[in-house]
Amino acid sequence: MITQTLSVPDISCGHCKMSIEGALSDLGGVTTAEVHVDPRTVDITWNEETVRLDAIIAAIEEQGYEVTR
């Protein structure tokens, strides 16, 4: 398992939180995804054998949010 915090500067409200958490929960291999409106981050834990970080970032970006590293 890998745990990482991603910066998502466009997070601004509860809708953002629900949108991102919903998209990440649909990915197989993601065990936890918690969005923090302030400081605009996403804490993610996932199984690296099942899903790659690129797929996680793509899922967030498909919701309309930019991920910065």
C-alpha atoms as a PDB file:
ATOM      1  CA  MET A   1       0.000   0.000   0.000  1.00  0.00           C
ATOM      2  CA  ILE A   2       1.078   3.528  -0.801  1.00  0.00           C
ATOM      3  CA  THR A   3      -0.194   6.650   0.938  1.00  0.00           C
ATOM      4  CA  GLN A   4       0.324  10.058  -0.629  1.00  0.00           C
ATOM      5  CA  THR A   5      -1.041  13.574  -0.381  1.00  0.00           C
ATOM      6  CA  LEU A   6      -1.792  15.378  -3.632  1.00  0.00           C
ATOM      7  CA  SER A   7      -2.276  19.122  -3.985  1.00  0.00           C
ATOM      8  CA  VAL A   8      -5.454  20.104  -5.849  1.00  0.00           C
ATOM      9  CA  PRO A   9      -5.603  23.920  -5.838  1.00  0.00           C
ATOM     10  CA  ASP A  10      -9.096  24.126  -7.381  1.00  0.00           C
ATOM     11  CA  ILE A  11     -10.841  22.472  -4.408  1.00  0.00           C
ATOM     12  CA  SER A  12     -13.149  25.074  -2.913  1.00  0.00           C
ATOM     13  CA  CYS A  13     -16.301  23.434  -1.536  1.00  0.00           C
ATOM     14  CA  GLY A  14     -18.168  20.360  -0.420  1.00  0.00           C
ATOM     15  CA  HIS A  15     -19.215  19.580  -3.989  1.00  0.00           C
ATOM     16  CA  CYS A  16     -15.549  19.384  -4.998  1.00  0.00           C
ATOM     17  CA  LYS A  17     -14.942  16.999  -2.112  1.00  0.00           C
ATOM     18  CA  MET A  18     -17.828  14.722  -3.073  1.00  0.00           C
ATOM     19  CA  SER A  19     -16.911  14.754  -6.774  1.00  0.00           C
ATOM     20  CA  ILE A  20     -13.271  13.786  -6.232  1.00  0.00           C
ATOM     21  CA  GLU A  21     -13.936  11.238  -3.488  1.00  0.00           C
ATOM     22  CA  GLY A  22     -16.637   9.618  -5.632  1.00  0.00           C
ATOM     23  CA  ALA A  23     -14.362   9.327  -8.655  1.00  0.00           C
ATOM     24  CA  LEU A  24     -11.543   7.838  -6.585  1.00  0.00           C
ATOM     25  CA  SER A  25     -13.809   5.363  -4.800  1.00  0.00           C
ATOM     26  CA  ASP A  26     -14.764   3.970  -8.229  1.00  0.00           C
ATOM     27  CA  LEU A  27     -11.131   3.040  -8.928  1.00  0.00           C
ATOM     28  CA  GLY A  28     -10.233  -0.500  -7.977  1.00  0.00           C
ATOM     29  CA  GLY A  29      -7.278  -0.543  -5.637  1.00  0.00           C
ATOM     30  CA  VAL A  30      -7.964   2.785  -3.908  1.00  0.00           C
ATOM     31  CA  THR A  31      -8.593   1.952  -0.255  1.00  0.00           C
ATOM     32  CA  THR A  32      -9.048   5.485   1.105  1.00  0.00           C
ATOM     33  CA  ALA A  33      -9.450   8.914  -0.433  1.00  0.00           C
ATOM     34  CA  GLU A  34     -10.064  11.923   1.761  1.00  0.00           C
ATOM     35  CA  VAL A  35     -10.392  15.415   0.317  1.00  0.00           C
ATOM     36  CA  HIS A  36      -9.551  18.393   2.508  1.00  0.00           C
ATOM     37  CA  VAL A  37     -11.159  21.628   1.285  1.00  0.00           C
ATOM     38  CA  ASP A  38      -8.639  23.635   3.253  1.00  0.00           C
ATOM     39  CA  PRO A  39      -5.614  23.121   2.603  1.00  0.00           C
ATOM     40  CA  ARG A  40      -6.891  21.871  -0.811  1.00  0.00           C
ATOM     41  CA  THR A  41      -5.318  18.434  -0.672  1.00  0.00           C
ATOM     42  CA  VAL A  42      -6.315  14.823  -1.227  1.00  0.00           C
ATOM     43  CA  ASP A  43      -4.957  12.031   0.987  1.00  0.00           C
ATOM     44  CA  ILE A  44      -5.004   8.732  -0.900  1.00  0.00           C
ATOM     45  CA  THR A  45      -4.047   5.184   0.019  1.00  0.00           C
ATOM     46  CA  TRP A  46      -3.937   2.616  -2.763  1.00  0.00           C
ATOM     47  CA  ASN A  47      -2.616  -0.786  -3.764  1.00  0.00           C
ATOM     48  CA  GLU A  48       0.186  -0.187  -6.241  1.00  0.00           C
ATOM     49  CA  GLU A  49      -0.355  -3.630  -7.777  1.00  0.00           C
ATOM     50  CA  THR A  50      -3.932  -2.732  -8.740  1.00  0.00           C
ATOM     51  CA  VAL A  51      -3.883   0.949  -9.695  1.00  0.00           C
ATOM     52  CA  ARG A  52      -1.170   3.401 -10.702  1.00  0.00           C
ATOM     53  CA  LEU A  53      -0.763   6.989  -9.550  1.00  0.00           C
ATOM     54  CA  ASP A  54      -1.290   8.163 -13.137  1.00  0.00           C
ATOM     55  CA  ALA A  55      -4.790   6.621 -13.114  1.00  0.00           C
ATOM     56  CA  ILE A  56      -5.581   8.326  -9.803  1.00  0.00           C
ATOM     57  CA  ILE A  57      -4.486  11.702 -11.133  1.00  0.00           C
ATOM     58  CA  ALA A  58      -6.448  11.127 -14.353  1.00  0.00           C
ATOM     59  CA  ALA A  59      -9.599  10.365 -12.344  1.00  0.00           C
ATOM     60  CA  ILE A  60      -9.245  13.661 -10.470  1.00  0.00           C
ATOM     61  CA  GLU A  61      -8.532  15.594 -13.656  1.00  0.00           C
ATOM     62  CA  GLU A  62     -11.568  14.025 -15.374  1.00  0.00           C
ATOM     63  CA  GLN A  63     -13.668  15.707 -12.695  1.00  0.00           C
ATOM     64  CA  GLY A  64     -12.246  19.072 -13.801  1.00  0.00           C
ATOM     65  CA  TYR A  65      -9.546  19.598 -11.177  1.00  0.00           C
ATOM     66  CA  GLU A  66      -5.840  20.135 -11.767  1.00  0.00           C
ATOM     67  CA  VAL A  67      -3.385  18.126  -9.676  1.00  0.00           C
ATOM     68  CA  THR A  68      -0.047  19.709  -8.846  1.00  0.00           C
ATOM     69  CA  ARG A  69       2.892  17.730  -7.569  1.00  0.00           C
END
